[in-house]
Amino acid sequence: MNENLHDEFLKIVIELNKLNIIPLLLGSLGLEKVTNRSWQASDIDIYLIDEEILDHRYEDIQKILIDRNYVKSLDSYRSYIKDDFEVEYKSFLDFQKLVKIDKEKLNLIKKEGVLYYLPTIEQFIEIYSSSARDPKRKEKMQKDSEKLEYLKVMGDQW
């Protein structure tokens, strides 16, 4: 697992929590935390559940990342880069247009003084089932299928 990436995520979440923002961790890094297995996470995908935060706290979030020496990416409006780290924050509402998961069933993680949400195994199965069918993710389809198969086996063991 990419512990450096996870440590960086926790440092960002500390600052978000100070603003009463509890983010959702998705992507390979989130999957690594749920499965306790390396998925070669290379970035941090932070989803903001409350749309008001995106609409009204954009500058606050941007300041957190800039204060941590991140630079805005030219590729994406909500993507920031520092050294080997890339952080992208996204709308959970936009995400739910692709995958329907119940935010009330997300796991609230309380670790090392920070709060953040993680999907359950069942929710990750839904996420990767959807992404495996998404033509926009064609280049990642093989990895998504591997993750999905692993999650299904893991889910059967519960």
Protein backbone atom coordinates (compact mmCIF):
# COMPACT_ATOMS: atom_id res chain seq x y z
CA MET A 1 0.00 0.00 0.00
CA ASN A 2 1.08 3.54 -0.65
CA GLU A 3 1.55 4.81 2.92
CA ASN A 4 3.05 8.13 1.77
CA LEU A 5 -0.08 8.83 -0.24
CA HIS A 6 -2.31 7.88 2.68
CA ASP A 7 -0.30 10.07 5.07
CA GLU A 8 -0.68 12.98 2.66
CA PHE A 9 -4.42 12.32 2.48
CA LEU A 10 -4.65 12.42 6.29
CA LYS A 11 -2.78 15.75 6.41
CA ILE A 12 -5.25 17.26 3.94
CA VAL A 13 -8.22 15.82 5.84
CA ILE A 14 -6.99 17.38 9.10
CA GLU A 15 -7.32 20.77 7.43
CA LEU A 16 -10.69 19.93 5.85
CA ASN A 17 -12.00 18.75 9.23
CA LYS A 18 -11.03 22.13 10.74
CA LEU A 19 -13.54 23.60 8.27
CA ASN A 20 -16.14 21.00 9.34
CA ILE A 21 -15.73 19.17 6.04
CA ILE A 22 -15.75 15.36 6.15
CA PRO A 23 -14.63 14.04 2.75
CA LEU A 24 -15.18 10.69 1.08
CA LEU A 25 -12.07 8.79 -0.05
CA LEU A 26 -12.53 6.84 -3.28
CA GLY A 27 -10.30 5.50 -6.02
CA SER A 28 -7.48 3.03 -5.57
CA LEU A 29 -6.33 4.67 -2.34
CA GLY A 30 -9.77 4.19 -0.78
CA LEU A 31 -9.85 0.63 -2.07
CA GLU A 32 -6.46 -0.03 -0.47
CA LYS A 33 -7.82 1.08 2.90
CA VAL A 34 -10.87 -1.20 2.60
CA THR A 35 -9.07 -4.29 1.26
CA ASN A 36 -5.73 -3.81 3.04
CA ARG A 37 -4.04 -4.64 -0.25
CA SER A 38 -1.96 -2.58 -2.66
CA TRP A 39 -3.70 -1.43 -5.85
CA GLN A 40 -0.84 0.85 -6.93
CA ALA A 41 -2.68 4.00 -5.87
CA SER A 42 -1.08 6.98 -7.56
CA ASP A 43 -3.41 9.83 -6.63
CA ILE A 44 -5.89 10.99 -4.01
CA ASP A 45 -9.55 11.13 -5.05
CA ILE A 46 -11.49 13.22 -2.54
CA TYR A 47 -15.23 13.51 -2.97
CA LEU A 48 -17.23 16.18 -1.21
CA ILE A 49 -20.63 14.94 -0.15
CA ASP A 50 -22.17 18.33 0.58
CA GLU A 51 -22.66 20.31 -2.65
CA GLU A 52 -22.72 23.55 -0.66
CA ILE A 53 -19.05 23.00 0.09
CA LEU A 54 -18.15 22.94 -3.59
CA ASP A 55 -20.30 25.97 -4.28
CA HIS A 56 -19.28 28.12 -1.32
CA ARG A 57 -15.98 26.80 0.07
CA TYR A 58 -13.95 26.43 -3.13
CA GLU A 59 -11.44 29.11 -2.05
CA ASP A 60 -11.01 27.47 1.37
CA ILE A 61 -10.24 24.09 -0.19
CA GLN A 62 -7.92 25.65 -2.73
CA LYS A 63 -6.09 27.49 0.08
CA ILE A 64 -5.56 24.23 2.00
CA LEU A 65 -3.90 22.66 -1.03
CA ILE A 66 -1.86 25.74 -1.96
CA ASP A 67 -0.70 26.09 1.68
CA ARG A 68 0.52 22.48 1.40
CA ASN A 69 2.57 23.53 -1.67
CA TYR A 70 0.24 22.09 -4.28
CA VAL A 71 0.00 23.75 -7.68
CA LYS A 72 -3.18 23.77 -9.72
CA SER A 73 -3.03 21.29 -12.59
CA LEU A 74 -3.52 22.57 -16.10
CA ASP A 75 -5.47 19.40 -16.92
CA SER A 76 -8.33 19.80 -14.49
CA TYR A 77 -10.10 22.60 -12.68
CA ARG A 78 -10.12 20.69 -9.35
CA SER A 79 -6.80 18.88 -9.61
CA TYR A 80 -3.60 19.85 -7.79
CA ILE A 81 -0.05 18.49 -7.98
CA LYS A 82 2.90 18.48 -5.57
CA ASP A 83 6.01 16.40 -6.18
CA ASP A 84 4.70 12.86 -6.71
CA PHE A 85 1.25 13.61 -5.29
CA GLU A 86 -1.87 14.46 -7.25
CA VAL A 87 -5.06 15.41 -5.45
CA GLU A 88 -8.39 15.80 -7.15
CA TYR A 89 -11.57 16.74 -5.37
CA LYS A 90 -14.91 16.05 -6.94
CA SER A 91 -18.63 16.26 -6.40
CA PHE A 92 -20.33 13.26 -4.81
CA LEU A 93 -23.58 14.35 -6.48
CA ASP A 94 -21.91 14.14 -9.91
CA PHE A 95 -20.47 10.75 -8.92
CA GLN A 96 -23.95 9.50 -8.00
CA LYS A 97 -25.11 10.16 -11.55
CA LEU A 98 -22.81 7.27 -12.54
CA VAL A 99 -23.13 5.02 -9.48
CA LYS A 100 -25.98 4.95 -7.02
CA ILE A 101 -24.61 4.37 -3.55
CA ASP A 102 -26.36 5.35 -0.35
CA LYS A 103 -24.29 7.97 1.43
CA GLU A 104 -26.02 7.06 4.70
CA LYS A 105 -24.36 3.62 4.52
CA LEU A 106 -20.81 4.92 4.04
CA ASN A 107 -18.36 4.00 6.79
CA LEU A 108 -17.31 6.97 8.92
CA ILE A 109 -13.63 6.47 9.71
CA LYS A 110 -12.17 8.05 12.84
CA LYS A 111 -8.42 7.60 12.66
CA GLU A 112 -5.49 9.59 13.98
CA GLY A 113 -7.74 12.49 14.92
CA VAL A 114 -9.41 12.83 11.53
CA LEU A 115 -12.82 12.00 10.12
CA TYR A 116 -13.52 10.78 6.62
CA TYR A 117 -15.88 8.41 4.82
CA LEU A 118 -15.05 5.18 3.03
CA PRO A 119 -17.40 2.99 0.99
CA THR A 120 -18.23 -0.50 2.21
CA ILE A 121 -17.07 -3.54 0.25
CA GLU A 122 -20.57 -3.81 -1.23
CA GLN A 123 -20.45 -0.17 -2.31
CA PHE A 124 -17.03 -0.65 -3.90
CA ILE A 125 -18.50 -3.62 -5.81
CA GLU A 126 -21.17 -1.26 -7.16
CA ILE A 127 -18.56 1.37 -8.01
CA TYR A 128 -16.26 -1.00 -9.89
CA SER A 129 -19.18 -2.79 -11.59
CA SER A 130 -20.19 0.55 -13.02
CA SER A 131 -16.66 1.65 -13.94
CA ALA A 132 -15.93 -1.67 -15.65
CA ARG A 133 -18.80 -0.87 -18.05
CA ASP A 134 -17.88 2.80 -18.57
CA PRO A 135 -16.42 3.34 -22.07
CA LYS A 136 -14.62 6.48 -20.80
CA ARG A 137 -12.49 4.23 -18.58
CA LYS A 138 -11.44 1.92 -21.41
CA GLU A 139 -7.73 2.24 -20.59
CA LYS A 140 -8.45 1.27 -16.96
CA MET A 141 -10.99 -1.46 -17.72
CA GLN A 142 -8.60 -4.36 -17.03
CA LYS A 143 -7.58 -2.95 -13.64
CA ASP A 144 -11.22 -2.21 -12.78
CA SER A 145 -12.18 -5.80 -13.67
CA GLU A 146 -9.37 -7.19 -11.47
CA LYS A 147 -10.53 -5.02 -8.57
CA LEU A 148 -14.13 -6.08 -9.10
CA GLU A 149 -13.26 -9.79 -9.12
CA TYR A 150 -11.20 -9.40 -5.95
CA LEU A 151 -14.02 -7.50 -4.23
CA LYS A 152 -16.60 -10.12 -5.19
CA VAL A 153 -14.47 -12.88 -3.67
CA MET A 154 -13.85 -10.75 -0.61
CA GLY A 155 -17.58 -9.98 -0.34
CA ASP A 156 -18.44 -13.68 -0.54
CA GLN A 157 -16.20 -14.29 2.47
CA TRP A 158 -18.23 -11.91 4.63
